[in-house]
Amino acid sequence: MSEAPLLEVRDLAVGFESGGTVARAVDGVSFRVARGKTLGIVGESGCGKSVTAFSIMRLLPQPHGKILGGQILFEGKDLVQASEAELHRVRGGRIGMVFQEPLSALNPVQTIGRQVTEALLLHKPLTKEAAWAEAITLLDKVGIPSPEVRIKEYPHQLSGGMRQRVVIAMALSCNPSLLIADEPTTALDVTIQAQILELMLSLQRDLGMAIVLITHDLGVIAQVCDEAVVMYAGQVAEYGSVEALFHRPAHPYTRGLLASIPRLTTPRKSRLPTIEGAVPGLNEMPAGCRYQNRCPYAEARCAVAPPPLETVAEGHAVSCFRWRELPEFKPVTPASA
């Protein structure tokens, strides 16, 4: 019998209320995260990636953001039904989160030390002196030079890469079993991006934690993830191992994303393939497949009803009526992978 997943999201639906109506930003999303593994969630801006992550942490903007249905099972307990006291223990304790923009995630008027020790004092039975010493150790662990000096500084005195390392230190302060990283390298240059990703993988190996990585970069998915969820317009288009998605993609959208990645063999002046059109707005979702207006393989039935999530192979599923009919796909090796 296989081990129960650390995190299992079942048929999650999330909406935002405005003007008396509720627009669904996430609709029927399901996936699992095994202990010690990395799951990537990838897709265009506005596809529901970050909303899914904030739903897991129960940090949706209030009062407009609401979980409309589904389950979020973490270590066997449904976080959708959890009390505020239970969520308080889970957030920062059992689940850590690295936010997209470190400068907005840090309090500009508090020192780095004050912010790192806050989680330690909240979740661990430590004195202020012991928490301060542990905070210095954490800053050193995430690669911040002269941590005993930096701990007394303010966020604006650090570089973008250092601020992101501080956010990672805060997320890992209580040795969580799950780390959620929402676009952790978006605001950083390429060199620093690589350092942050390697840091996260190194800490994962040391601590044995699982990671949910939110990104729009398929190169990052190929580099660090074991499995990935491809989202489109709030739904799962395809789910599977990274090897399956890059070598045997079954959804036209996944294929379109992969085809648009620059390859090492791409001629310098050649034009990259693009996916024409745009993602439908939250209040403009079509009745059938949400990708139909951009899909080169769409047919009449695609406009009538949404396709079910079908099994392609063990651990590989796709939401497409015509996936069996698609032409053979040439495997992709991203230049950044």
Protein backbone atom coordinates (compact mmCIF):
# COMPACT_ATOMS: atom_id res chain seq x y z
CA MET A 1 0.00 0.00 0.00
CA SER A 2 1.44 3.41 -1.02
CA GLU A 3 2.20 6.03 1.61
CA ALA A 4 -0.47 8.68 2.13
CA PRO A 5 0.46 12.03 0.55
CA LEU A 6 1.61 14.88 2.76
CA LEU A 7 -0.80 17.23 0.98
CA GLU A 8 -3.84 16.33 -1.08
CA VAL A 9 -6.06 18.93 -2.71
CA ARG A 10 -9.42 17.54 -3.81
CA ASP A 11 -11.76 19.34 -6.20
CA LEU A 12 -10.84 22.78 -4.83
CA ALA A 13 -13.07 25.70 -5.89
CA VAL A 14 -12.24 29.30 -4.94
CA GLY A 15 -14.17 32.43 -5.81
CA PHE A 16 -14.09 36.20 -5.32
CA GLU A 17 -17.27 38.12 -4.59
CA SER A 18 -17.87 41.43 -6.33
CA GLY A 19 -21.11 43.29 -6.92
CA GLY A 20 -23.22 40.45 -5.60
CA THR A 21 -21.71 37.83 -7.93
CA VAL A 22 -18.95 35.31 -7.31
CA ALA A 23 -16.29 34.73 -9.98
CA ARG A 24 -14.50 31.39 -9.76
CA ALA A 25 -10.73 31.83 -9.94
CA VAL A 26 -10.06 28.14 -9.17
CA ASP A 27 -12.55 25.49 -10.26
CA GLY A 28 -12.18 21.79 -9.47
CA VAL A 29 -8.41 21.62 -8.92
CA SER A 30 -6.96 18.36 -7.53
CA PHE A 31 -3.37 17.19 -6.94
CA ARG A 32 -1.14 15.40 -4.43
CA VAL A 33 2.27 16.17 -2.94
CA ALA A 34 4.37 13.31 -1.58
CA ARG A 35 6.66 13.76 1.42
CA GLY A 36 10.08 15.06 0.40
CA LYS A 37 9.05 15.70 -3.22
CA THR A 38 8.65 18.87 -5.28
CA LEU A 39 5.45 19.65 -7.16
CA GLY A 40 5.39 22.52 -9.64
CA ILE A 41 2.25 24.46 -10.53
CA VAL A 42 2.72 26.22 -13.86
CA GLY A 43 0.65 28.36 -16.20
CA GLU A 44 0.12 31.86 -17.52
CA SER A 45 -0.58 34.86 -15.27
CA GLY A 46 -4.14 34.73 -13.97
CA CYS A 47 -4.55 30.96 -14.28
CA GLY A 48 -5.12 30.47 -10.54
CA LYS A 49 -1.66 29.33 -9.40
CA SER A 50 -1.20 31.83 -6.58
CA VAL A 51 -4.87 31.65 -5.55
CA THR A 52 -4.40 27.90 -5.10
CA ALA A 53 -1.31 28.48 -2.94
CA PHE A 54 -3.01 31.10 -0.76
CA SER A 55 -6.01 28.79 -0.39
CA ILE A 56 -3.78 26.06 1.06
CA MET A 57 -2.56 28.55 3.67
CA ARG A 58 -6.10 29.95 4.12
CA LEU A 59 -4.74 33.42 3.35
CA LEU A 60 -7.26 34.53 0.72
CA PRO A 61 -8.02 38.27 0.72
CA GLN A 62 -10.96 38.95 3.01
CA PRO A 63 -13.87 39.43 2.90
CA HIS A 64 -14.11 38.78 -0.85
CA GLY A 65 -12.07 35.58 -1.26
CA LYS A 66 -13.91 32.37 -0.41
CA ILE A 67 -13.29 28.63 -0.65
CA LEU A 68 -16.47 27.45 -2.34
CA GLY A 69 -15.85 23.72 -2.14
CA GLY A 70 -13.39 20.87 -2.00
CA GLN A 71 -10.85 19.67 0.55
CA ILE A 72 -7.26 20.56 1.43
CA LEU A 73 -5.91 17.57 3.33
CA PHE A 74 -2.60 18.27 5.07
CA GLU A 75 -1.19 15.40 7.12
CA GLY A 76 -4.68 13.90 6.95
CA LYS A 77 -6.51 16.97 8.33
CA ASP A 78 -8.83 19.10 6.20
CA LEU A 79 -7.58 22.70 6.43
CA VAL A 80 -10.83 23.97 4.88
CA GLN A 81 -12.62 22.92 8.06
CA ALA A 82 -9.82 23.88 10.47
CA SER A 83 -10.37 26.47 13.19
CA GLU A 84 -8.36 29.69 13.35
CA ALA A 85 -6.42 28.29 16.32
CA GLU A 86 -5.49 25.18 14.32
CA LEU A 87 -4.49 27.26 11.28
CA HIS A 88 -2.38 29.47 13.54
CA ARG A 89 -0.33 26.41 14.55
CA VAL A 90 0.00 25.15 10.97
CA ARG A 91 1.03 28.43 9.32
CA GLY A 92 4.71 29.03 9.83
CA GLY A 93 4.96 25.88 11.91
CA ARG A 94 4.08 22.87 9.74
CA ILE A 95 3.76 24.85 6.49
CA GLY A 96 6.14 27.62 5.49
CA MET A 97 5.60 30.08 2.64
CA VAL A 98 7.97 32.08 0.47
CA PHE A 99 6.15 35.01 -1.10
CA GLN A 100 6.63 36.36 -4.60
CA GLU A 101 8.01 39.79 -3.72
CA PRO A 102 10.31 39.75 -0.65
CA LEU A 103 10.26 43.51 -0.16
CA SER A 104 6.48 43.49 0.34
CA ALA A 105 6.66 40.31 2.46
CA LEU A 106 9.00 41.97 4.96
CA ASN A 107 8.03 44.76 7.36
CA PRO A 108 10.11 47.82 6.36
CA VAL A 109 10.17 49.29 9.89
CA GLN A 110 11.33 46.17 11.73
CA THR A 111 14.82 44.70 11.73
CA ILE A 112 15.57 41.38 10.07
CA GLY A 113 16.20 39.88 13.51
CA ARG A 114 12.83 41.00 14.88
CA GLN A 115 11.03 39.41 11.92
CA VAL A 116 12.93 36.11 11.89
CA THR A 117 12.62 35.62 15.66
CA GLU A 118 8.87 36.33 15.60
CA ALA A 119 8.02 32.91 14.12
CA LEU A 120 10.54 31.17 16.40
CA LEU A 121 9.02 32.70 19.54
CA LEU A 122 5.50 31.94 18.31
CA HIS A 123 6.03 28.25 17.54
CA LYS A 124 8.96 27.21 19.76
CA PRO A 125 9.52 27.38 23.55
CA LEU A 126 12.55 29.69 23.28
CA THR A 127 13.79 32.69 25.20
CA LYS A 128 14.44 35.88 23.22
CA GLU A 129 18.18 35.29 23.52
CA ALA A 130 17.91 31.71 22.23
CA ALA A 131 15.63 32.81 19.38
CA TRP A 132 18.12 35.52 18.40
CA ALA A 133 20.98 32.99 18.32
CA GLU A 134 18.87 30.58 16.24
CA ALA A 135 17.94 33.39 13.84
CA ILE A 136 21.64 34.06 13.23
CA THR A 137 22.13 30.35 12.53
CA LEU A 138 19.21 30.40 10.08
CA LEU A 139 20.58 33.41 8.21
CA ASP A 140 23.93 31.69 7.95
CA LYS A 141 22.24 28.49 6.70
CA VAL A 142 20.55 30.36 3.84
CA GLY A 143 23.86 31.88 2.76
CA ILE A 144 23.70 35.43 4.13
CA PRO A 145 27.24 36.68 4.85
CA SER A 146 27.98 38.22 8.26
CA PRO A 147 24.58 37.18 9.67
CA GLU A 148 25.36 38.68 13.08
CA VAL A 149 25.56 42.08 11.32
CA ARG A 150 22.70 41.65 8.83
CA ILE A 151 20.31 40.56 11.57
CA LYS A 152 20.36 44.11 12.96
CA GLU A 153 19.62 45.73 9.59
CA TYR A 154 16.35 46.67 7.88
CA PRO A 155 14.98 45.16 4.63
CA HIS A 156 15.89 48.21 2.50
CA GLN A 157 19.55 47.74 3.45
CA LEU A 158 19.67 44.31 1.78
CA SER A 159 19.82 43.35 -1.89
CA GLY A 160 16.89 41.56 -3.55
CA GLY A 161 18.66 38.23 -3.34
CA MET A 162 19.43 38.71 0.36
CA ARG A 163 15.83 39.71 1.11
CA GLN A 164 14.60 36.54 -0.58
CA ARG A 165 17.03 34.50 1.51
CA VAL A 166 15.63 36.17 4.64
CA VAL A 167 12.08 35.22 3.58
CA ILE A 168 13.26 31.63 3.05
CA ALA A 169 14.91 31.63 6.48
CA MET A 170 11.63 32.81 8.03
CA ALA A 171 9.67 30.13 6.18
CA LEU A 172 12.07 27.40 7.34
CA SER A 173 12.50 28.65 10.91
CA CYS A 174 10.30 25.93 12.42
CA ASN A 175 11.41 23.07 10.15
CA PRO A 176 8.11 22.76 8.22
CA SER A 177 7.21 19.55 6.45
CA LEU A 178 5.87 21.59 3.50
CA LEU A 179 7.24 24.74 1.87
CA ILE A 180 5.07 26.71 -0.55
CA ALA A 181 7.11 28.98 -2.81
CA ASP A 182 5.08 31.47 -4.86
CA GLU A 183 7.23 32.66 -7.80
CA PRO A 184 10.29 32.87 -5.49
CA THR A 185 12.71 34.02 -8.22
CA THR A 186 10.55 36.31 -10.39
CA ALA A 187 12.01 39.63 -9.20
CA LEU A 188 15.64 38.41 -9.27
CA ASP A 189 18.25 38.38 -12.00
CA VAL A 190 19.22 35.08 -13.63
CA THR A 191 22.34 34.44 -11.54
CA ILE A 192 20.51 35.04 -8.25
CA GLN A 193 17.57 32.94 -9.47
CA ALA A 194 19.86 29.95 -9.90
CA GLN A 195 21.35 30.48 -6.44
CA ILE A 196 17.92 30.68 -4.76
CA LEU A 197 16.69 27.51 -6.52
CA GLU A 198 19.84 25.62 -5.56
CA LEU A 199 19.47 26.87 -1.98
CA MET A 200 15.89 25.58 -1.81
CA LEU A 201 16.89 22.16 -3.18
CA SER A 202 19.84 21.95 -0.78
CA LEU A 203 17.63 22.78 2.21
CA GLN A 204 15.04 20.27 0.98
CA ARG A 205 17.69 17.53 0.96
CA ASP A 206 18.84 18.50 4.45
CA LEU A 207 15.38 18.87 6.02
CA GLY A 208 13.38 16.31 4.00
CA MET A 209 10.53 18.73 3.37
CA ALA A 210 8.13 18.75 0.43
CA ILE A 211 7.88 21.81 -1.84
CA VAL A 212 5.02 23.27 -3.85
CA LEU A 213 6.63 25.62 -6.37
CA ILE A 214 4.43 28.17 -8.16
CA THR A 215 6.00 29.43 -11.39
CA HIS A 216 5.35 30.47 -14.98
CA ASP A 217 8.80 29.22 -16.04
CA LEU A 218 8.90 25.71 -17.51
CA GLY A 219 12.69 25.78 -17.34
CA VAL A 220 12.45 26.04 -13.55
CA ILE A 221 9.93 23.16 -13.54
CA ALA A 222 12.36 21.00 -15.51
CA GLN A 223 15.23 21.92 -13.22
CA VAL A 224 13.77 21.34 -9.76
CA CYS A 225 10.41 19.50 -9.82
CA ASP A 226 9.43 15.83 -9.65
CA GLU A 227 5.83 16.39 -10.80
CA ALA A 228 3.87 19.30 -12.21
CA VAL A 229 0.34 20.60 -12.59
CA VAL A 230 -0.36 22.64 -15.73
CA MET A 231 -3.21 25.07 -14.98
CA TYR A 232 -5.32 27.03 -17.41
CA ALA A 233 -8.14 29.45 -16.54
CA GLY A 234 -8.52 28.07 -13.02
CA GLN A 235 -8.54 24.38 -13.93
CA VAL A 236 -6.04 21.53 -14.29
CA ALA A 237 -5.20 21.03 -17.97
CA GLU A 238 -2.62 18.31 -17.34
CA TYR A 239 -0.88 16.63 -14.44
CA GLY A 240 2.05 14.22 -14.32
CA SER A 241 5.74 13.64 -13.78
CA VAL A 242 8.10 16.21 -15.27
CA GLU A 243 9.50 13.50 -17.54
CA ALA A 244 6.00 12.71 -18.88
CA LEU A 245 5.02 16.34 -19.39
CA PHE A 246 8.20 17.25 -21.26
CA HIS A 247 8.41 14.10 -23.37
CA ARG A 248 4.78 13.01 -23.77
CA PRO A 249 2.55 16.10 -23.27
CA ALA A 250 -1.07 15.23 -23.95
CA HIS A 251 -2.82 18.62 -23.75
CA PRO A 252 -2.60 21.17 -26.61
CA TYR A 253 -1.94 23.91 -24.06
CA THR A 254 1.01 22.04 -22.52
CA ARG A 255 2.36 21.48 -26.04
CA GLY A 256 1.96 25.16 -26.84
CA LEU A 257 3.87 26.19 -23.72
CA LEU A 258 6.67 23.74 -24.47
CA ALA A 259 6.90 24.80 -28.11
CA SER A 260 7.39 28.44 -27.05
CA ILE A 261 10.50 27.66 -24.95
CA PRO A 262 13.79 28.83 -26.51
CA ARG A 263 16.05 25.86 -27.26
CA LEU A 264 19.82 25.79 -27.38
CA THR A 265 19.49 24.94 -31.08
CA THR A 266 17.04 27.78 -31.88
CA PRO A 267 18.51 30.08 -34.59
CA ARG A 268 19.20 33.55 -33.22
CA LYS A 269 16.84 35.44 -35.55
CA SER A 270 14.07 32.87 -35.80
CA ARG A 271 10.60 33.62 -34.44
CA LEU A 272 9.41 31.50 -31.50
CA PRO A 273 5.97 29.85 -31.74
CA THR A 274 3.25 31.60 -29.74
CA ILE A 275 -0.19 30.73 -28.39
CA GLU A 276 -2.59 33.12 -30.07
CA GLY A 277 -5.44 34.74 -28.13
CA ALA A 278 -5.83 35.35 -24.40
CA VAL A 279 -7.07 33.60 -21.28
CA PRO A 280 -10.82 34.28 -20.79
CA GLY A 281 -11.76 36.60 -17.94
CA LEU A 282 -13.24 35.24 -14.71
CA ASN A 283 -16.74 36.32 -15.76
CA GLU A 284 -16.32 35.17 -19.37
CA MET A 285 -15.56 31.47 -18.99
CA PRO A 286 -16.99 29.40 -21.87
CA ALA A 287 -19.40 26.53 -21.21
CA GLY A 288 -17.10 23.86 -22.61
CA CYS A 289 -13.32 23.56 -22.61
CA ARG A 290 -11.79 26.81 -21.42
CA TYR A 291 -8.95 26.51 -23.92
CA GLN A 292 -11.25 26.16 -26.94
CA ASN A 293 -10.80 29.71 -28.28
CA ARG A 294 -7.02 29.21 -28.58
CA CYS A 295 -6.83 25.51 -29.41
CA PRO A 296 -5.90 24.44 -32.97
CA TYR A 297 -7.62 21.08 -32.38
CA ALA A 298 -10.95 22.39 -31.04
CA GLU A 299 -14.16 20.94 -32.48
CA ALA A 300 -17.90 21.33 -31.86
CA ARG A 301 -18.09 19.18 -28.71
CA CYS A 302 -15.35 21.26 -27.05
CA ALA A 303 -17.85 24.17 -26.85
CA VAL A 304 -20.63 22.08 -25.31
CA ALA A 305 -19.21 20.56 -22.13
CA PRO A 306 -15.89 20.63 -20.26
CA PRO A 307 -13.68 17.57 -20.91
CA PRO A 308 -13.14 15.24 -17.93
CA LEU A 309 -9.69 14.63 -16.46
CA GLU A 310 -8.69 11.33 -18.10
CA THR A 311 -5.83 9.00 -17.25
CA VAL A 312 -3.09 8.89 -19.89
CA ALA A 313 -0.83 6.57 -17.89
CA GLU A 314 -0.20 5.91 -14.22
CA GLY A 315 0.29 9.28 -12.54
CA HIS A 316 -0.41 11.19 -15.78
CA ALA A 317 -3.82 12.77 -16.50
CA VAL A 318 -5.18 15.25 -19.04
CA SER A 319 -8.37 17.26 -19.55
CA CYS A 320 -8.90 17.05 -23.32
CA PHE A 321 -11.36 15.22 -25.57
CA ARG A 322 -8.84 14.76 -28.40
CA TRP A 323 -5.59 13.91 -26.63
CA ARG A 324 -5.41 10.47 -28.26
CA GLU A 325 -5.61 12.04 -31.74
CA LEU A 326 -2.81 14.59 -31.40
CA PRO A 327 0.28 14.14 -33.59
CA GLU A 328 3.51 12.81 -32.12
CA PHE A 329 5.38 15.38 -30.05
CA LYS A 330 9.11 15.97 -30.27
CA PRO A 331 10.58 16.08 -26.72
CA VAL A 332 11.80 19.44 -25.51
CA THR A 333 14.96 20.29 -23.60
CA PRO A 334 14.71 23.91 -22.35
CA ALA A 335 17.82 26.04 -22.62
CA SER A 336 17.50 26.86 -18.91
CA ALA A 337 17.03 23.27 -17.78
